[in-house]
C-alpha cells in the first residue's frame, strides 16, 4: 500500500504536532510554578498519544513507520520531562537553586538528545 499525497500531508501535520508537543514539554522546565509545569507536560503527553493513534490509523496494520518512531521518542522525552519535574519538586523544598540548575541541565541534555536523534 502506497501513501498518497493526502495521507502524506496528514502525516506531516501530525509530526509537526509531536515536535510542538516535545517543544512545549521541554519549555515547561523553565516554568517555576510546578502546577503550571505539570499541566503543560500533561497536555503535551496527551498530544503525543493522540498523534500516535492518528499515525497508527494511517499506516498499514503491523508496520512500524518513521512516524511511529519519532512519536514514540517524543513521548519518551515528554515522560522524562515529567519524571524530572517530579524529582525537581522534591529538591525545590530543600534547595531552590539546585532545583533550578537541575531543570536547566535537563533541558539542555534532552534538547540536544532529541535534535541529534532526529538527524538522518
Protein backbone atom coordinates (compact mmCIF):
# COMPACT_ATOMS: atom_id res chain seq x y z
CA UNK A 1 0.00 0.00 0.00
CA UNK A 2 1.42 3.36 -1.01
CA UNK A 3 0.74 6.54 0.90
CA UNK A 4 -0.90 9.10 -1.35
CA UNK A 5 -0.45 12.85 -1.18
CA UNK A 6 -3.33 13.47 1.23
CA UNK A 7 -2.03 10.85 3.64
CA UNK A 8 1.50 12.25 3.39
CA UNK A 9 0.24 15.75 4.20
CA UNK A 10 -1.68 14.37 7.18
CA UNK A 11 1.42 12.51 8.39
CA UNK A 12 3.50 15.69 8.06
CA UNK A 13 0.96 17.66 10.11
CA UNK A 14 0.91 15.04 12.86
CA UNK A 15 4.71 15.00 13.03
CA UNK A 16 4.68 18.78 13.40
CA UNK A 17 2.22 18.21 16.25
CA UNK A 18 4.60 15.90 18.12
CA UNK A 19 7.53 18.27 17.57
CA UNK A 20 5.50 21.12 19.07
CA UNK A 21 4.42 18.86 21.95
CA UNK A 22 8.06 17.98 22.69
CA UNK A 23 9.00 21.66 22.49
CA UNK A 24 6.21 22.51 24.97
CA UNK A 25 7.32 19.70 27.27
CA UNK A 26 10.92 20.92 27.21
CA UNK A 27 9.99 24.56 27.66
CA UNK A 28 7.83 23.63 30.65
CA UNK A 29 11.09 23.00 32.53
CA UNK A 30 11.58 26.78 32.54
CA UNK A 31 8.28 27.39 34.38
CA UNK A 32 8.90 27.97 38.07
CA UNK A 33 5.30 27.16 39.09
CA UNK A 34 5.08 23.38 39.40
CA UNK A 35 1.30 23.34 38.94
CA UNK A 36 1.66 25.05 35.55
CA UNK A 37 4.59 22.84 34.65
CA UNK A 38 2.77 19.56 35.26
CA UNK A 39 -0.34 20.73 33.42
CA UNK A 40 1.70 21.73 30.34
CA UNK A 41 3.60 18.44 30.36
CA UNK A 42 0.35 16.51 30.76
CA UNK A 43 -1.14 18.29 27.77
CA UNK A 44 2.00 17.59 25.74
CA UNK A 45 1.69 13.90 26.64
CA UNK A 46 -1.94 13.93 25.52
CA UNK A 47 -0.96 15.45 22.15
CA UNK A 48 1.74 12.80 21.73
CA UNK A 49 -0.68 9.95 22.45
CA UNK A 50 -3.21 11.45 20.04
CA UNK A 51 -0.52 11.67 17.35
CA UNK A 52 0.41 8.03 17.90
CA UNK A 53 -3.22 6.98 17.44
CA UNK A 54 -3.57 9.05 14.26
CA UNK A 55 -0.34 7.72 12.76
CA UNK A 56 -1.30 4.15 13.65
CA UNK A 57 -4.64 4.56 11.90
CA UNK A 58 -2.89 5.99 8.84
CA UNK A 59 -0.30 3.26 8.38
CA UNK A 60 -0.95 -0.34 7.29
CA UNK A 61 -1.51 -2.91 10.02
CA UNK A 62 1.59 -4.44 11.54
CA UNK A 63 4.07 -1.94 10.10
CA UNK A 64 6.12 0.42 12.26
CA UNK A 65 6.81 3.59 10.33
CA UNK A 66 9.16 6.51 10.82
CA UNK A 67 6.20 8.45 12.20
CA UNK A 68 5.77 5.83 14.92
CA UNK A 69 9.43 6.05 15.87
CA UNK A 70 9.51 9.85 16.03
CA UNK A 71 6.28 9.95 18.03
CA UNK A 72 7.48 7.23 20.43
CA UNK A 73 10.74 9.07 21.03
CA UNK A 74 8.81 12.32 21.54
CA UNK A 75 6.61 10.60 24.13
CA UNK A 76 9.75 9.30 25.83
CA UNK A 77 11.20 12.83 26.04
CA UNK A 78 7.95 14.20 27.46
CA UNK A 79 7.84 11.35 30.01
CA UNK A 80 11.42 12.22 31.05
CA UNK A 81 10.33 15.85 31.49
CA UNK A 82 7.52 14.66 33.79
CA UNK A 83 9.95 12.50 35.76
CA UNK A 84 12.45 15.35 36.08
CA UNK A 85 9.73 17.68 37.30
CA UNK A 86 8.73 15.17 39.97
CA UNK A 87 12.35 14.91 41.12
CA UNK A 88 12.88 18.65 40.92
CA UNK A 89 9.88 19.42 43.13
CA UNK A 90 11.42 17.26 45.87
CA UNK A 91 14.69 19.21 45.72
CA UNK A 92 12.80 22.52 45.48
CA UNK A 93 11.64 22.14 49.08
CA UNK A 94 15.24 21.88 50.32
CA UNK A 95 17.36 23.86 47.87
CA UNK A 96 15.66 26.05 45.28
CA UNK A 97 18.89 26.92 43.43
CA UNK A 98 19.84 23.28 42.93
CA UNK A 99 16.34 22.55 41.66
CA UNK A 100 16.59 25.29 39.02
CA UNK A 101 20.07 24.12 37.96
CA UNK A 102 18.73 20.59 37.59
CA UNK A 103 15.94 21.94 35.37
CA UNK A 104 18.35 23.83 33.12
CA UNK A 105 20.81 20.93 32.79
CA UNK A 106 17.98 18.52 31.99
CA UNK A 107 16.56 20.93 29.42
CA UNK A 108 19.92 21.16 27.63
CA UNK A 109 20.58 17.40 27.67
CA UNK A 110 17.10 16.41 26.46
CA UNK A 111 17.04 19.12 23.78
CA UNK A 112 20.39 18.13 22.36
CA UNK A 113 19.49 14.43 22.53
CA UNK A 114 16.20 14.98 20.71
CA UNK A 115 17.82 17.06 17.97
CA UNK A 116 20.63 14.53 17.47
CA UNK A 117 18.17 11.66 17.29
CA UNK A 118 16.12 13.35 14.56
CA UNK A 119 19.17 13.77 12.31
CA UNK A 120 19.24 11.34 9.35
